[in-house]
Amino acid sequence: MKTIQFPNPETWTELSKRPLIDFTSISDTVQKVFQAIKNNGDGSVKAYTNLFDGVELEKLQVSEDQIKKSLEIVPKDLKQAIQLAAANIEKFHRTQIEQIQKTETTAGVFCWRESRPIDRVGIYIPGGTAPLFSTVLMLGIPAKIAGCPEIVLCTPPDKNGNINPTIVYTAQLIGITKLFKVGGIQAVAAMTFGTESIPAVDKIFGPGNQYVTAAKQQAQNYGVAIDMPAGPSEVLIIADKSAVPSFVAADLLSQAEHGTDSQVILLSDNVQMIDAVLKEISIQIETLPRKQMASQALISSKAILLKTVEECIDFSNQYAPEHLILAIENFNEVIPKITNAGSVFLGNYSCESAGDYASGTNHTLPTNGYARNYSGVSLDSFVKKITFQELTSAGIKNMGPAIELMAEAEQLQAHKNAVSIRLKTLDNV
């Protein structure tokens, strides 16, 4: 992990750059897979699953027998932990239900907005080195609260043609019944076009490797929406003298172990804190099963010494991290100054893992600097907002002349006439 002391603000932009992801090398593969699945449906999905995952599938949908066996495999204590997390996630996301508010903008003119669920949503759940059953909760629960009529879940199979039993249990817990053992580009393509087995969806959610990310970008070319642009996991931690070095090191490593392309950033106004954290990292990393992956991620990560906590906040806003941890004494004072972040964790005991699993907030967040202009997944991600308006006879009388003048100024006579004909009718009543 590279240490940088008091960098000139003019260099912050360069320091904020993430490792580049070059999709050009895989774009031809993505396009080829998409075209094949568009033309051949299930046949091509099975062929590419055999090619990429090394498994031959007879059926793509998870059978009732497989579901039953999976539910028996998951340990009772893990089931209880998942149930706790599900309850918290549901509680938090239910607070996001928008109440209808009618506004009388002019006497006799009423405007309001109502939410409608997206008809068909697709959820992609990685199932390789880290089977992310927690993401089933993060995506499935708000989709259910929103009232989405159809939820399709795709996740890669293992070499025996089965999917992770905990993913199955979690899906069943929250009421997702359409489970398919398909991963990678072929899963995204199948949800884009629809096949004999897998329904086409209107919006695709979920994380994945560079192939899944490139496939989601390709899906947009065919009229399917996605949750947000995705990139490798990242965390930025601001630690002052009140931070606990072992806590900070553990949080940095929790993101570094996601993958070799993950990026972690430590900012501090205290050089002794940086030294202590780096020492803790060297100790803790030795016990990690994913040590090699975390070590690789740390190569492109940075520890930066700045003059003040305020300067750290300014750097963080420019970096726009997916996860921001404020391991500082007076964190409440700086909350209003945070403008760009996916999710923020306050104080020494608010570890990022809490948000990843069970506190209630959503862990599907913008990465790669997209926190400057994207929010994380929420209930709003699964609904469309439709505006309504009602003009009474008094309303059109009160507002009509202004509309006529504006339409005429824009030389849109038919627009003006739509008002004028109503006003004349009312004048004759």
Protein backbone atom coordinates (compact mmCIF):
# COMPACT_ATOMS: atom_id res chain seq x y z
CA MET A 1 0.00 0.00 0.00
CA LYS A 2 1.68 3.18 -1.20
CA THR A 3 2.07 6.06 1.31
CA ILE A 4 1.84 9.65 0.06
CA GLN A 5 2.44 12.68 2.28
CA PHE A 6 0.83 16.09 1.79
CA PRO A 7 0.09 15.85 -1.94
CA ASN A 8 -0.58 19.12 -3.73
CA PRO A 9 -4.34 19.55 -4.39
CA GLU A 10 -3.49 19.84 -8.08
CA THR A 11 -2.50 16.15 -8.00
CA TRP A 12 -5.72 14.96 -6.32
CA THR A 13 -7.43 14.24 -9.62
CA GLU A 14 -4.63 11.90 -10.62
CA LEU A 15 -4.63 10.26 -7.18
CA SER A 16 -8.38 9.71 -7.45
CA LYS A 17 -8.14 7.68 -10.66
CA ARG A 18 -9.14 4.02 -10.42
CA PRO A 19 -7.35 1.22 -12.26
CA LEU A 20 -8.72 1.28 -15.79
CA ILE A 21 -11.02 -1.49 -16.96
CA ASP A 22 -10.55 -2.13 -20.67
CA PHE A 23 -13.75 -3.62 -22.05
CA THR A 24 -12.61 -3.48 -25.67
CA SER A 25 -10.85 -6.83 -25.36
CA ILE A 26 -14.08 -8.60 -24.37
CA SER A 27 -16.63 -6.57 -26.33
CA ASP A 28 -16.46 -8.93 -29.31
CA THR A 29 -17.14 -11.90 -27.05
CA VAL A 30 -20.08 -10.14 -25.41
CA GLN A 31 -21.60 -9.23 -28.76
CA LYS A 32 -21.12 -12.77 -30.08
CA VAL A 33 -22.82 -14.33 -27.05
CA PHE A 34 -25.70 -11.83 -27.20
CA GLN A 35 -26.32 -12.50 -30.87
CA ALA A 36 -26.24 -16.27 -30.40
CA ILE A 37 -28.70 -16.20 -27.50
CA LYS A 38 -30.96 -13.77 -29.33
CA ASN A 39 -31.12 -16.24 -32.24
CA ASN A 40 -31.00 -19.61 -30.47
CA GLY A 41 -32.31 -19.07 -26.92
CA ASP A 42 -31.80 -21.91 -24.43
CA GLY A 43 -29.55 -23.86 -26.79
CA SER A 44 -26.91 -21.13 -26.84
CA VAL A 45 -27.30 -20.46 -23.09
CA LYS A 46 -26.49 -24.12 -22.41
CA ALA A 47 -23.62 -24.14 -24.91
CA TYR A 48 -21.94 -21.10 -23.36
CA THR A 49 -22.54 -22.41 -19.84
CA ASN A 50 -20.65 -25.53 -20.89
CA LEU A 51 -17.90 -23.43 -22.48
CA PHE A 52 -17.43 -20.87 -19.71
CA ASP A 53 -18.45 -22.81 -16.58
CA GLY A 54 -17.54 -26.33 -17.64
CA VAL A 55 -20.94 -27.85 -16.89
CA GLU A 56 -23.62 -29.40 -19.11
CA LEU A 57 -27.15 -28.52 -18.10
CA GLU A 58 -30.31 -30.34 -19.08
CA LYS A 59 -32.59 -27.68 -17.62
CA LEU A 60 -31.81 -24.09 -16.78
CA GLN A 61 -34.38 -23.56 -14.05
CA VAL A 62 -33.63 -24.79 -10.54
CA SER A 63 -35.90 -27.76 -9.86
CA GLU A 64 -38.20 -28.17 -6.85
CA ASP A 65 -36.03 -31.10 -5.75
CA GLN A 66 -32.88 -28.96 -5.82
CA ILE A 67 -34.68 -26.24 -3.87
CA LYS A 68 -35.84 -28.72 -1.23
CA LYS A 69 -32.34 -30.18 -0.80
CA SER A 70 -30.81 -26.70 -0.52
CA LEU A 71 -33.21 -25.68 2.23
CA GLU A 72 -32.13 -28.73 4.25
CA ILE A 73 -28.40 -28.02 3.81
CA VAL A 74 -28.23 -24.46 5.16
CA PRO A 75 -27.33 -24.46 8.88
CA LYS A 76 -29.97 -23.23 11.32
CA ASP A 77 -27.79 -20.45 12.78
CA LEU A 78 -27.05 -19.09 9.29
CA LYS A 79 -30.77 -19.13 8.48
CA GLN A 80 -31.44 -17.11 11.63
CA ALA A 81 -28.72 -14.60 10.72
CA ILE A 82 -30.20 -14.17 7.23
CA GLN A 83 -33.67 -13.72 8.74
CA LEU A 84 -32.33 -10.97 11.03
CA ALA A 85 -30.69 -9.21 8.10
CA ALA A 86 -33.86 -9.56 6.00
CA ALA A 87 -35.99 -7.99 8.73
CA ASN A 88 -33.65 -4.98 9.04
CA ILE A 89 -33.38 -4.48 5.29
CA GLU A 90 -37.16 -4.65 4.93
CA LYS A 91 -37.69 -2.23 7.81
CA PHE A 92 -35.32 0.34 6.32
CA HIS A 93 -36.62 0.06 2.76
CA ARG A 94 -40.26 0.33 3.85
CA THR A 95 -39.47 3.83 5.11
CA GLN A 96 -38.83 4.76 1.47
CA ILE A 97 -42.44 4.20 0.39
CA GLU A 98 -43.59 7.53 -1.00
CA GLN A 99 -46.92 8.91 0.11
CA ILE A 100 -49.09 10.58 -2.53
CA GLN A 101 -49.13 14.35 -2.12
CA LYS A 102 -51.58 16.35 -4.20
CA THR A 103 -50.65 19.97 -4.77
CA GLU A 104 -52.97 22.73 -6.02
CA THR A 105 -50.45 24.71 -8.06
CA THR A 106 -53.05 27.23 -9.22
CA ALA A 107 -56.66 27.45 -8.09
CA GLY A 108 -58.39 24.52 -9.80
CA VAL A 109 -55.14 22.85 -10.99
CA PHE A 110 -54.14 19.69 -9.08
CA CYS A 111 -50.83 17.83 -9.61
CA TRP A 112 -49.41 14.73 -7.95
CA ARG A 113 -47.11 11.78 -8.47
CA GLU A 114 -47.64 8.05 -7.96
CA SER A 115 -45.24 5.10 -8.05
CA ARG A 116 -45.75 1.98 -10.15
CA PRO A 117 -43.55 -1.12 -9.95
CA ILE A 118 -41.37 -2.19 -12.86
CA ASP A 119 -43.13 -5.21 -14.37
CA ARG A 120 -40.18 -7.58 -14.73
CA VAL A 121 -36.81 -7.26 -13.00
CA GLY A 122 -33.77 -9.49 -13.30
CA ILE A 123 -31.35 -10.08 -10.44
CA TYR A 124 -27.83 -11.31 -11.10
CA ILE A 125 -26.09 -12.95 -8.13
CA PRO A 126 -22.39 -13.88 -8.38
CA GLY A 127 -21.78 -17.45 -7.27
CA GLY A 128 -18.09 -18.11 -7.81
CA THR A 129 -15.37 -17.45 -5.23
CA ALA A 130 -17.86 -15.42 -3.15
CA PRO A 131 -21.51 -16.54 -3.48
CA LEU A 132 -23.23 -13.28 -2.58
CA PHE A 133 -26.49 -14.48 -1.03
CA SER A 134 -26.62 -11.15 0.82
CA THR A 135 -27.23 -9.45 -2.54
CA VAL A 136 -30.40 -11.54 -2.91
CA LEU A 137 -31.71 -9.69 0.14
CA MET A 138 -30.50 -6.31 -1.04
CA LEU A 139 -32.22 -6.61 -4.43
CA GLY A 140 -35.11 -8.97 -3.78
CA ILE A 141 -36.55 -7.23 -0.72
CA PRO A 142 -37.01 -3.76 -2.25
CA ALA A 143 -38.33 -5.40 -5.44
CA LYS A 144 -40.96 -7.19 -3.34
CA ILE A 145 -41.85 -4.04 -1.38
CA ALA A 146 -42.18 -2.13 -4.66
CA GLY A 147 -44.62 -4.78 -5.87
CA CYS A 148 -42.69 -5.98 -8.94
CA PRO A 149 -44.91 -8.77 -10.35
CA GLU A 150 -42.03 -10.83 -11.77
CA ILE A 151 -38.54 -11.29 -10.32
CA VAL A 152 -36.04 -13.46 -12.21
CA LEU A 153 -32.84 -14.58 -10.47
CA CYS A 154 -29.79 -15.88 -12.33
CA THR A 155 -26.65 -17.23 -10.67
CA PRO A 156 -23.82 -19.46 -11.97
CA PRO A 157 -23.88 -23.24 -11.36
CA ASP A 158 -21.06 -25.25 -9.84
CA LYS A 159 -19.36 -28.12 -11.66
CA ASN A 160 -22.22 -30.42 -10.64
CA GLY A 161 -24.87 -28.16 -12.13
CA ASN A 162 -26.15 -26.91 -8.78
CA ILE A 163 -26.28 -23.42 -7.32
CA ASN A 164 -25.20 -22.34 -3.87
CA PRO A 165 -27.78 -23.61 -1.34
CA THR A 166 -27.66 -20.41 0.72
CA ILE A 167 -28.61 -18.40 -2.38
CA VAL A 168 -31.57 -20.75 -2.86
CA TYR A 169 -32.62 -20.45 0.78
CA THR A 170 -32.40 -16.65 0.73
CA ALA A 171 -34.44 -16.43 -2.47
CA GLN A 172 -37.12 -18.69 -1.01
CA LEU A 173 -37.20 -16.70 2.22
CA ILE A 174 -38.20 -13.52 0.44
CA GLY A 175 -40.46 -15.15 -2.13
CA ILE A 176 -38.38 -15.33 -5.32
CA THR A 177 -39.43 -18.49 -7.16
CA LYS A 178 -37.88 -18.13 -10.64
CA LEU A 179 -34.30 -19.26 -10.12
CA PHE A 180 -31.98 -20.11 -13.00
CA LYS A 181 -28.54 -21.69 -12.85
CA VAL A 182 -26.98 -19.45 -15.45
CA GLY A 183 -24.14 -16.97 -14.99
CA GLY A 184 -21.89 -14.58 -16.84
CA ILE A 185 -22.61 -12.96 -20.18
CA GLN A 186 -25.13 -15.64 -21.08
CA ALA A 187 -27.29 -14.84 -18.03
CA VAL A 188 -27.46 -11.14 -18.85
CA ALA A 189 -28.16 -11.86 -22.51
CA ALA A 190 -30.92 -14.34 -21.61
CA MET A 191 -32.63 -11.77 -19.37
CA THR A 192 -32.25 -9.18 -22.12
CA PHE A 193 -33.92 -11.14 -24.93
CA GLY A 194 -35.80 -13.89 -23.11
CA THR A 195 -35.43 -17.55 -24.02
CA GLU A 196 -37.68 -20.62 -23.91
CA SER A 197 -36.92 -20.91 -20.17
CA ILE A 198 -35.78 -17.48 -18.95
CA PRO A 199 -38.18 -14.52 -19.20
CA ALA A 200 -37.05 -11.22 -20.68
CA VAL A 201 -36.91 -8.42 -18.10
CA ASP A 202 -37.19 -4.64 -18.12
CA LYS A 203 -34.29 -3.89 -15.78
CA ILE A 204 -31.24 -5.88 -14.66
CA PHE A 205 -29.66 -5.52 -11.22
CA GLY A 206 -26.62 -6.97 -9.52
CA PRO A 207 -22.82 -7.01 -9.34
CA GLY A 208 -20.43 -9.19 -11.28
CA ASN A 209 -17.02 -9.47 -12.87
CA GLN A 210 -15.85 -7.50 -15.91
CA TYR A 211 -17.77 -9.84 -18.24
CA VAL A 212 -21.05 -9.30 -16.40
CA THR A 213 -20.40 -5.56 -16.27
CA ALA A 214 -19.73 -5.42 -20.01
CA ALA A 215 -22.83 -7.53 -20.66
CA LYS A 216 -25.03 -5.18 -18.62
CA GLN A 217 -23.70 -2.25 -20.64
CA GLN A 218 -24.55 -4.18 -23.81
CA ALA A 219 -28.07 -4.89 -22.54
CA GLN A 220 -28.79 -1.16 -22.54
CA ASN A 221 -28.35 -1.13 -26.31
CA TYR A 222 -31.40 -3.40 -26.53
CA GLY A 223 -33.69 -1.23 -24.40
CA VAL A 224 -33.10 -2.95 -21.04
CA ALA A 225 -32.26 -0.70 -18.11
CA ILE A 226 -29.61 -1.51 -15.50
CA ASP A 227 -29.21 -0.48 -11.88
CA MET A 228 -26.04 1.58 -12.35
CA PRO A 229 -22.57 1.49 -13.91
CA ALA A 230 -20.47 -0.94 -11.91
CA GLY A 231 -16.82 -1.35 -11.14
CA PRO A 232 -14.57 -3.02 -8.56
CA SER A 233 -15.36 -2.66 -4.85
CA GLU A 234 -13.78 0.25 -2.98
CA VAL A 235 -13.61 1.92 0.41
CA LEU A 236 -12.15 5.20 1.59
CA ILE A 237 -11.46 5.64 5.31
CA ILE A 238 -10.76 8.94 7.05
CA ALA A 239 -9.02 8.25 10.36
CA ASP A 240 -7.88 10.82 12.91
CA LYS A 241 -6.03 10.21 16.19
CA SER A 242 -9.22 8.82 17.79
CA ALA A 243 -9.43 5.89 15.37
CA VAL A 244 -8.56 2.33 16.35
CA PRO A 245 -5.78 1.11 13.99
CA SER A 246 -6.85 -2.55 14.12
CA PHE A 247 -10.43 -1.59 13.20
CA VAL A 248 -9.29 0.56 10.29
CA ALA A 249 -6.97 -2.16 8.99
CA ALA A 250 -9.75 -4.75 9.18
CA ASP A 251 -12.10 -2.50 7.20
CA LEU A 252 -9.50 -1.85 4.51
CA LEU A 253 -8.83 -5.57 4.17
CA SER A 254 -12.56 -6.38 4.04
CA GLN A 255 -12.74 -4.51 0.76
CA ALA A 256 -9.34 -5.62 -0.55
CA GLU A 257 -10.38 -9.28 -0.29
CA HIS A 258 -13.24 -8.74 -2.76
CA GLY A 259 -10.86 -8.99 -5.70
CA THR A 260 -7.47 -8.09 -7.10
CA ASP A 261 -8.97 -5.01 -8.75
CA SER A 262 -10.53 -3.65 -5.54
CA GLN A 263 -9.17 -0.34 -4.30
CA VAL A 264 -8.83 0.92 -0.74
CA ILE A 265 -7.81 4.41 0.35
CA LEU A 266 -6.74 5.60 3.80
CA LEU A 267 -6.72 9.32 4.56
CA SER A 268 -5.44 10.80 7.81
CA ASP A 269 -4.10 13.98 9.34
CA ASN A 270 -1.93 11.89 11.65
CA VAL A 271 1.18 10.10 10.39
CA GLN A 272 1.35 7.87 13.48
CA MET A 273 -2.15 6.60 12.69
CA ILE A 274 -1.15 5.70 9.13
CA ASP A 275 1.93 3.85 10.38
CA ALA A 276 -0.12 1.95 12.96
CA VAL A 277 -2.76 0.96 10.41
CA LEU A 278 -0.19 -0.28 7.91
CA LYS A 279 1.44 -2.35 10.64
CA GLU A 280 -1.95 -3.87 11.52
CA ILE A 281 -2.61 -4.67 7.86
CA SER A 282 0.64 -6.62 7.63
CA ILE A 283 -0.40 -8.65 10.70
CA GLN A 284 -4.06 -9.28 9.82
CA ILE A 285 -3.53 -10.15 6.17
CA GLU A 286 -1.48 -13.22 7.12
CA THR A 287 -4.56 -14.98 8.52
CA LEU A 288 -6.86 -14.32 5.56
CA PRO A 289 -7.84 -17.21 3.27
CA ARG A 290 -7.94 -14.67 0.43
CA LYS A 291 -4.53 -13.24 1.33
CA GLN A 292 -3.19 -13.36 -2.22
CA MET A 293 -6.19 -11.52 -3.63
CA ALA A 294 -6.07 -8.85 -0.92
CA SER A 295 -2.31 -8.39 -1.34
CA GLN A 296 -2.74 -7.78 -5.05
CA ALA A 297 -5.46 -5.20 -4.40
CA LEU A 298 -3.24 -3.34 -1.94
CA ILE A 299 -0.61 -2.76 -4.62
CA SER A 300 -2.81 -0.14 -6.33
CA SER A 301 -4.16 1.25 -3.04
CA LYS A 302 -2.96 4.32 -1.15
CA ALA A 303 -2.46 5.79 2.33
CA ILE A 304 -2.44 9.58 2.08
CA LEU A 305 -1.38 12.04 4.79
CA LEU A 306 -3.20 15.37 4.57
CA LYS A 307 -3.05 18.46 6.77
CA THR A 308 -6.52 18.40 8.32
CA VAL A 309 -9.68 16.31 8.52
CA GLU A 310 -11.41 19.02 6.46
CA GLU A 311 -8.85 18.46 3.70
CA CYS A 312 -9.54 14.72 3.95
CA ILE A 313 -13.25 15.41 3.41
CA ASP A 314 -12.45 17.54 0.35
CA PHE A 315 -10.32 14.75 -1.11
CA SER A 316 -13.04 12.19 -0.41
CA ASN A 317 -15.66 14.30 -2.18
CA GLN A 318 -13.42 14.43 -5.24
CA TYR A 319 -12.76 10.67 -5.08
CA ALA A 320 -16.51 9.88 -4.55
CA PRO A 321 -16.07 6.49 -2.84
CA GLU A 322 -18.50 3.60 -2.89
CA HIS A 323 -18.04 3.23 0.88
CA LEU A 324 -16.85 6.05 3.14
CA ILE A 325 -15.89 5.34 6.75
CA LEU A 326 -15.44 8.31 9.11
CA ALA A 327 -13.28 6.95 11.91
CA ILE A 328 -13.00 10.40 13.43
CA GLU A 329 -13.94 12.00 16.72
CA ASN A 330 -16.46 14.62 15.61
CA PHE A 331 -18.08 12.84 12.66
CA ASN A 332 -21.48 14.50 13.14
CA GLU A 333 -19.94 17.90 12.46
CA VAL A 334 -18.69 16.94 9.00
CA ILE A 335 -21.81 15.08 7.77
CA PRO A 336 -23.19 18.20 5.98
CA LYS A 337 -19.88 18.55 4.13
CA ILE A 338 -20.09 15.10 2.53
CA THR A 339 -21.38 15.51 -1.03
CA ASN A 340 -20.18 12.42 -2.92
CA ALA A 341 -20.37 8.92 -1.41
CA GLY A 342 -22.36 5.75 -1.92
CA SER A 343 -22.84 4.91 1.76
CA VAL A 344 -21.27 6.43 4.87
CA PHE A 345 -20.26 4.67 8.11
CA LEU A 346 -19.85 6.82 11.20
CA GLY A 347 -17.47 6.25 14.11
CA ASN A 348 -15.24 3.43 15.25
CA TYR A 349 -17.93 0.77 15.53
CA SER A 350 -19.74 1.28 12.21
CA CYS A 351 -17.85 -1.25 10.15
CA GLU A 352 -18.57 -1.45 6.43
CA SER A 353 -19.48 -5.12 6.86
CA ALA A 354 -22.61 -4.05 8.75
CA GLY A 355 -23.93 -2.32 5.64
CA ASP A 356 -22.87 -5.24 3.48
CA TYR A 357 -25.05 -7.65 5.42
CA ALA A 358 -27.49 -6.66 8.08
CA SER A 359 -27.83 -3.06 9.26
CA GLY A 360 -30.61 -2.37 6.76
CA THR A 361 -29.09 -0.04 4.16
CA ASN A 362 -28.50 -1.34 0.65
CA HIS A 363 -25.05 -2.57 -0.33
CA THR A 364 -25.56 -2.19 -4.10
CA LEU A 365 -23.74 1.10 -4.53
CA PRO A 366 -22.10 3.24 -7.24
CA THR A 367 -18.39 2.61 -7.71
CA ASN A 368 -15.62 4.03 -9.90
CA GLY A 369 -16.53 7.64 -9.03
CA TYR A 370 -20.18 7.30 -10.06
CA ALA A 371 -21.23 8.38 -6.56
CA ARG A 372 -20.87 11.89 -8.01
CA ASN A 373 -24.06 11.37 -10.00
CA TYR A 374 -25.69 8.05 -8.98
CA SER A 375 -27.38 6.84 -5.82
CA GLY A 376 -27.23 3.32 -4.46
CA VAL A 377 -30.08 0.89 -5.04
CA SER A 378 -33.23 1.77 -3.10
CA LEU A 379 -36.97 1.28 -3.38
CA ASP A 380 -36.95 3.96 -6.08
CA SER A 381 -34.79 1.70 -8.25
CA PHE A 382 -37.71 -0.71 -8.68
CA VAL A 383 -40.48 1.78 -9.46
CA LYS A 384 -41.41 4.32 -12.06
CA LYS A 385 -42.76 7.71 -10.99
CA ILE A 386 -45.82 8.81 -12.96
CA THR A 387 -47.18 12.35 -12.69
CA PHE A 388 -50.90 13.12 -12.77
CA GLN A 389 -52.81 16.35 -13.17
CA GLU A 390 -56.41 17.44 -13.12
CA LEU A 391 -57.62 20.83 -14.33
CA THR A 392 -61.12 21.84 -13.34
CA SER A 393 -63.09 24.38 -15.38
CA ALA A 394 -61.88 27.02 -12.95
CA GLY A 395 -58.33 25.75 -13.34
CA ILE A 396 -58.25 26.08 -17.12
CA LYS A 397 -59.76 29.55 -16.83
CA ASN A 398 -57.13 30.64 -14.33
CA MET A 399 -54.13 29.19 -16.13
CA GLY A 400 -55.30 29.13 -19.76
CA PRO A 401 -54.30 32.66 -20.81
CA ALA A 402 -50.71 32.10 -19.66
CA ILE A 403 -50.52 28.85 -21.63
CA GLU A 404 -51.91 30.57 -24.73
CA LEU A 405 -49.27 33.29 -24.55
CA MET A 406 -46.41 30.81 -24.05
CA ALA A 407 -47.56 28.50 -26.86
CA GLU A 408 -47.94 31.42 -29.25
CA ALA A 409 -44.45 32.68 -28.35
CA GLU A 410 -43.07 29.26 -29.25
CA GLN A 411 -45.09 29.30 -32.51
CA LEU A 412 -47.00 26.17 -31.57
CA GLN A 413 -50.49 27.13 -32.63
CA ALA A 414 -52.10 23.73 -32.00
CA HIS A 415 -50.92 23.90 -28.41
CA LYS A 416 -52.61 27.27 -28.04
CA ASN A 417 -55.78 26.03 -29.72
CA ALA A 418 -56.08 23.14 -27.25
CA VAL A 419 -56.53 25.77 -24.55
CA SER A 420 -58.48 28.33 -26.55
CA ILE A 421 -61.20 25.88 -27.61
CA ARG A 422 -61.86 25.00 -23.99
CA LEU A 423 -61.98 28.62 -22.87
CA LYS A 424 -64.45 29.50 -25.63
CA THR A 425 -66.65 26.58 -24.68
CA LEU A 426 -66.68 27.73 -21.06
CA ASP A 427 -67.47 31.31 -22.12
CA ASN A 428 -70.60 30.02 -23.89
CA VAL A 429 -71.86 28.06 -20.89
